[in-house]
Amino acid sequence: RVCRTVHHPILWVRLQGPGVLLPYALEEGDLYHRCALRLLREAGEERKAGKEDTGPRTGELSLSTASRILRGVVGEQLRPQEWETRVREGKEDLDRLGVCLLRSVLPPRLVLSLAEYCRDRANRSDGWKFRYRWHEPFARHLNNQFKPLAERLCGRKLKCSHPIILFYGVGTGIMPHVDEDQFEVSLSISLGRLKENGKDLVEGDQKPTSLHSITWNLLQPLIRADMHPGDGIIFYGKHIPHYRNPVTTPIISLALGWHYETTLL
């Protein structure tokens, strides 16, 4: 919903693995009358110091509420050791193939809301079925947040390019191509499917969407990345040809990108 008033406060949570800062909306029941959020860091410090939660106080979030929210968010994340293993293996794939599949770069609780948000903002149209939007503000936020992860994987300092929201209607796809110079490193994130009407999201969707990449490794020349909602594929977009076959149900995708700091545009 587009409105000028924020009815629900936002809790910003940094994911342990990719380090991405993501928003979670709080329900009214989580708040006391006319209260504002206190930093969860302060709540954690009080708990470590052995201080008890004395109940509702104006301008604060109770420790029990904070803990409950954190448990729900942390439950969606990989353990740091698991994520480090995934990053190490991903870097090897990116060096060897120019392509790397990353599972669950966005948590399930956020993917559905983000898909709905992107669907409503993919308002520029090429024909009737394929829609897109450049420079969307939250997409720019994610583009900046995922930059450190992209730098770790490719081993280079990067600068943000222009992200794009993509909506594929039934029968649409993309032909084999390479990206423009500003997308030397690209990250495509699947946000799931919509029903045939192109409006309603498929909740609990576990059917993957596919993106094909032609690698620079002759022993494994073609990669088909089957991505569930929240999965991503990172690749050298300027050098790796990639394509998407025509889809049978509408899908939403988020394309992020970066270029090397030394690149002149």
Protein backbone atom coordinates (compact mmCIF):
# COMPACT_ATOMS: atom_id res chain seq x y z
CA ARG A 1 0.00 0.00 0.00
CA VAL A 2 1.27 3.43 -0.93
CA CYS A 3 0.60 5.90 1.87
CA ARG A 4 2.19 8.92 3.47
CA THR A 5 1.89 7.60 7.02
CA VAL A 6 3.84 4.65 8.43
CA HIS A 7 1.32 2.66 10.49
CA HIS A 8 3.72 -0.07 11.59
CA PRO A 9 7.27 0.49 12.80
CA ILE A 10 10.06 -1.29 10.97
CA LEU A 11 12.64 -3.51 12.63
CA TRP A 12 15.87 -3.60 10.61
CA VAL A 13 17.70 -6.90 10.93
CA ARG A 14 21.13 -7.72 9.52
CA LEU A 15 21.36 -11.31 8.27
CA GLN A 16 24.27 -13.23 9.75
CA GLY A 17 25.37 -14.78 6.44
CA PRO A 18 25.29 -12.27 3.59
CA GLY A 19 25.25 -9.31 6.00
CA VAL A 20 22.24 -7.80 4.26
CA LEU A 21 20.14 -5.31 6.24
CA LEU A 22 16.43 -6.14 5.80
CA PRO A 23 13.20 -4.63 7.17
CA TYR A 24 10.53 -6.47 9.15
CA ALA A 25 7.21 -4.83 9.96
CA LEU A 26 6.02 -5.15 13.55
CA GLU A 27 2.41 -5.80 14.47
CA GLU A 28 0.57 -3.38 16.72
CA GLY A 29 0.41 -6.05 19.40
CA ASP A 30 4.19 -5.92 19.70
CA LEU A 31 4.10 -2.32 20.86
CA TYR A 32 3.04 -0.47 23.94
CA HIS A 33 0.79 2.56 23.72
CA ARG A 34 2.62 5.42 21.99
CA CYS A 35 5.97 3.69 22.33
CA ALA A 36 8.94 3.69 19.98
CA LEU A 37 11.50 0.95 19.42
CA ARG A 38 14.57 0.83 21.55
CA LEU A 39 17.66 -0.55 19.83
CA LEU A 40 17.83 -4.32 20.17
CA ARG A 41 21.51 -3.95 20.90
CA GLU A 42 20.62 -2.15 24.11
CA ALA A 43 18.13 -4.87 25.00
CA GLY A 44 20.80 -7.50 24.49
CA GLU A 45 23.24 -5.58 26.67
CA GLU A 46 20.69 -5.41 29.48
CA ARG A 47 20.11 -9.13 29.25
CA LYS A 48 23.83 -9.85 29.39
CA ALA A 49 24.11 -7.59 32.43
CA GLY A 50 21.45 -9.67 34.19
CA LYS A 51 18.83 -6.94 34.31
CA GLU A 52 15.24 -8.14 34.37
CA ASP A 53 12.48 -6.97 32.06
CA THR A 54 10.31 -4.89 34.38
CA GLY A 55 7.36 -4.64 32.01
CA PRO A 56 5.91 -1.92 29.78
CA ARG A 57 7.77 1.37 29.71
CA THR A 58 7.09 4.24 27.37
CA GLY A 59 9.36 4.38 24.36
CA GLU A 60 10.73 0.86 24.68
CA LEU A 61 10.21 -2.62 23.28
CA SER A 62 10.09 -5.35 25.92
CA LEU A 63 12.98 -7.80 26.07
CA SER A 64 10.60 -10.73 25.63
CA THR A 65 9.12 -9.23 22.47
CA ALA A 66 12.57 -8.41 21.09
CA SER A 67 13.76 -11.94 21.80
CA ARG A 68 10.72 -13.47 20.11
CA ILE A 69 11.23 -11.39 16.97
CA LEU A 70 14.93 -12.21 16.86
CA ARG A 71 14.24 -15.94 17.28
CA GLY A 72 11.90 -15.86 14.30
CA VAL A 73 14.42 -14.06 12.11
CA VAL A 74 17.45 -16.06 13.21
CA GLY A 75 15.55 -19.26 12.52
CA GLU A 76 15.54 -18.36 8.82
CA GLN A 77 19.29 -17.86 8.60
CA LEU A 78 22.17 -20.22 7.98
CA ARG A 79 24.72 -20.69 10.69
CA PRO A 80 27.87 -18.61 10.10
CA GLN A 81 29.96 -21.73 9.50
CA GLU A 82 27.48 -23.03 6.92
CA TRP A 83 27.42 -19.67 5.17
CA GLU A 84 31.22 -19.43 5.06
CA THR A 85 31.36 -22.88 3.47
CA ARG A 86 28.78 -21.80 0.92
CA VAL A 87 30.71 -18.62 0.09
CA ARG A 88 33.97 -20.53 -0.31
CA GLU A 89 32.36 -23.08 -2.64
CA GLY A 90 30.59 -20.28 -4.50
CA LYS A 91 33.85 -18.43 -5.09
CA GLU A 92 35.36 -21.61 -6.53
CA ASP A 93 32.39 -22.00 -8.90
CA LEU A 94 32.57 -18.36 -9.95
CA ASP A 95 36.30 -18.65 -10.71
CA ARG A 96 35.85 -21.94 -12.58
CA LEU A 97 32.60 -21.28 -14.46
CA GLY A 98 31.87 -17.57 -14.23
CA VAL A 99 28.56 -18.56 -12.57
CA CYS A 100 27.59 -19.33 -8.98
CA LEU A 101 24.21 -20.46 -7.59
CA LEU A 102 23.41 -19.09 -4.12
CA ARG A 103 20.56 -20.68 -2.21
CA SER A 104 18.36 -18.63 0.15
CA VAL A 105 20.03 -15.23 -0.19
CA LEU A 106 16.70 -13.76 0.99
CA PRO A 107 14.68 -15.32 3.84
CA PRO A 108 11.22 -16.80 3.12
CA ARG A 109 9.37 -14.34 5.38
CA LEU A 110 10.55 -11.45 3.25
CA VAL A 111 10.34 -12.96 -0.24
CA LEU A 112 6.54 -12.96 -0.50
CA SER A 113 6.24 -9.34 0.64
CA LEU A 114 9.07 -8.28 -1.65
CA ALA A 115 7.46 -10.07 -4.59
CA GLU A 116 4.19 -8.21 -4.01
CA TYR A 117 6.07 -4.94 -3.66
CA CYS A 118 8.01 -5.49 -6.89
CA ARG A 119 4.93 -6.66 -8.79
CA ASP A 120 3.18 -3.38 -8.09
CA ARG A 121 6.20 -1.35 -9.20
CA ALA A 122 7.14 -3.13 -12.41
CA ASN A 123 5.10 -0.59 -14.32
CA ARG A 124 7.09 0.12 -17.48
CA SER A 125 5.99 -2.10 -20.32
CA ASP A 126 7.49 -3.56 -23.48
CA GLY A 127 4.40 -5.07 -25.03
CA TRP A 128 1.63 -6.45 -22.84
CA LYS A 129 3.37 -9.22 -20.95
CA PHE A 130 6.90 -8.11 -20.07
CA ARG A 131 7.24 -5.30 -17.53
CA TYR A 132 10.22 -3.81 -15.76
CA ARG A 133 11.39 -0.88 -13.69
CA TRP A 134 14.85 0.60 -13.28
CA HIS A 135 16.22 2.43 -10.20
CA GLU A 136 13.44 1.40 -7.80
CA PRO A 137 14.45 2.71 -4.31
CA PHE A 138 14.29 -0.56 -2.37
CA ALA A 139 16.01 -2.41 -5.20
CA ARG A 140 18.80 0.17 -4.94
CA HIS A 141 18.98 -0.55 -1.21
CA LEU A 142 19.40 -4.28 -1.86
CA ASN A 143 21.93 -3.56 -4.60
CA ASN A 144 24.06 -1.68 -2.08
CA GLN A 145 23.53 -4.27 0.67
CA PHE A 146 24.62 -7.21 -1.49
CA LYS A 147 27.77 -5.44 -2.74
CA PRO A 148 30.09 -6.76 0.03
CA LEU A 149 28.99 -10.33 -0.73
CA ALA A 150 29.60 -9.81 -4.46
CA GLU A 151 33.05 -8.37 -3.67
CA ARG A 152 33.93 -11.41 -1.57
CA LEU A 153 32.90 -13.78 -4.34
CA CYS A 154 34.67 -12.04 -7.21
CA GLY A 155 37.64 -10.71 -5.22
CA ARG A 156 37.36 -7.18 -6.62
CA LYS A 157 36.19 -3.81 -5.35
CA LEU A 158 32.84 -2.94 -6.94
CA LYS A 159 30.59 0.03 -7.51
CA CYS A 160 26.81 -0.22 -7.70
CA SER A 161 25.09 -0.17 -11.07
CA HIS A 162 21.36 0.23 -11.70
CA PRO A 163 19.08 -2.58 -10.42
CA ILE A 164 15.99 -3.62 -12.31
CA ILE A 165 12.71 -5.31 -11.34
CA LEU A 166 11.54 -7.80 -13.98
CA PHE A 167 8.05 -9.21 -14.48
CA TYR A 168 7.71 -12.05 -17.01
CA GLY A 169 4.22 -12.76 -18.31
CA VAL A 170 3.21 -16.10 -19.80
CA GLY A 171 5.20 -16.82 -22.97
CA THR A 172 7.90 -14.21 -22.35
CA GLY A 173 11.61 -14.80 -21.74
CA ILE A 174 14.97 -13.33 -22.67
CA MET A 175 17.14 -14.32 -25.61
CA PRO A 176 20.82 -15.28 -25.08
CA HIS A 177 22.75 -12.08 -24.41
CA VAL A 178 25.48 -10.51 -22.31
CA ASP A 179 24.89 -7.50 -20.10
CA GLU A 180 26.10 -3.96 -20.66
CA ASP A 181 29.41 -2.71 -19.28
CA GLN A 182 27.82 -1.53 -16.04
CA PHE A 183 26.88 -5.14 -15.18
CA GLU A 184 30.28 -6.78 -15.00
CA VAL A 185 28.96 -8.70 -12.01
CA SER A 186 25.24 -9.52 -11.90
CA LEU A 187 22.99 -11.14 -9.30
CA SER A 188 19.56 -12.42 -10.32
CA ILE A 189 17.20 -13.25 -7.42
CA SER A 190 14.00 -15.24 -7.93
CA LEU A 191 10.96 -13.81 -6.15
CA GLY A 192 8.60 -16.59 -7.18
CA ARG A 193 5.54 -17.05 -9.34
CA LEU A 194 2.18 -15.42 -9.82
CA LYS A 195 -1.10 -16.98 -10.80
CA GLU A 196 -2.09 -16.86 -14.46
CA ASN A 197 -3.93 -13.59 -13.96
CA GLY A 198 -0.54 -11.97 -13.33
CA LYS A 199 -1.79 -10.33 -10.13
CA ASP A 200 -2.10 -12.84 -7.29
CA LEU A 201 1.05 -14.31 -5.77
CA VAL A 202 1.42 -18.06 -5.32
CA GLU A 203 1.98 -18.41 -1.58
CA GLY A 204 4.21 -21.25 -0.42
CA ASP A 205 5.48 -21.68 -3.99
CA GLN A 206 8.32 -24.18 -4.16
CA LYS A 207 8.38 -24.70 -7.92
CA PRO A 208 11.71 -23.42 -9.26
CA THR A 209 12.23 -20.92 -12.05
CA SER A 210 15.15 -21.43 -14.41
CA LEU A 211 17.90 -19.22 -15.80
CA HIS A 212 20.47 -20.64 -18.23
CA SER A 213 24.09 -19.51 -18.48
CA ILE A 214 26.77 -20.41 -21.02
CA THR A 215 29.95 -20.74 -18.97
CA TRP A 216 33.60 -20.28 -19.96
CA ASN A 217 34.40 -23.87 -18.94
CA LEU A 218 34.39 -26.32 -21.86
CA LEU A 219 33.86 -29.26 -19.51
CA GLN A 220 30.62 -27.71 -18.20
CA PRO A 221 29.52 -25.33 -20.95
CA LEU A 222 25.89 -24.85 -19.90
CA ILE A 223 24.42 -24.22 -16.44
CA ARG A 224 20.69 -24.43 -15.77
CA ALA A 225 20.01 -22.72 -12.45
CA ASP A 226 16.70 -23.89 -10.97
CA MET A 227 15.91 -21.26 -8.37
CA HIS A 228 13.28 -21.38 -5.64
CA PRO A 229 11.91 -18.09 -4.25
CA GLY A 230 14.76 -16.34 -2.46
CA ASP A 231 17.53 -18.13 -4.40
CA GLY A 232 20.00 -16.17 -6.49
CA ILE A 233 22.59 -16.70 -9.19
CA ILE A 234 25.63 -14.46 -9.45
CA PHE A 235 27.67 -14.34 -12.64
CA TYR A 236 29.93 -12.17 -14.76
CA GLY A 237 27.09 -10.63 -16.72
CA LYS A 238 29.29 -8.74 -19.19
CA HIS A 239 31.08 -11.93 -20.23
CA ILE A 240 28.70 -14.85 -19.55
CA PRO A 241 25.84 -15.26 -22.06
CA HIS A 242 22.59 -16.04 -20.29
CA TYR A 243 18.94 -16.48 -21.19
CA ARG A 244 15.53 -17.45 -19.85
CA ASN A 245 13.21 -19.70 -21.83
CA PRO A 246 9.59 -18.53 -22.25
CA VAL A 247 7.77 -19.06 -18.96
CA THR A 248 4.50 -20.94 -18.58
CA THR A 249 3.38 -18.97 -15.50
CA PRO A 250 4.16 -15.34 -14.63
CA ILE A 251 7.30 -14.84 -12.52
CA ILE A 252 9.06 -11.94 -10.81
CA SER A 253 12.82 -11.49 -10.70
CA LEU A 254 15.15 -8.90 -9.23
CA ALA A 255 18.39 -8.14 -11.11
CA LEU A 256 21.22 -6.44 -9.20
CA GLY A 257 24.55 -5.41 -10.68
CA TRP A 258 27.96 -3.88 -10.13
CA HIS A 259 30.97 -2.76 -12.12
CA TYR A 260 34.63 -2.72 -11.15
CA GLU A 261 35.95 0.39 -9.48
CA THR A 262 38.55 0.80 -12.24
CA THR A 263 35.95 0.68 -15.02
CA LEU A 264 35.30 3.98 -16.81
CA LEU A 265 31.67 4.43 -17.88
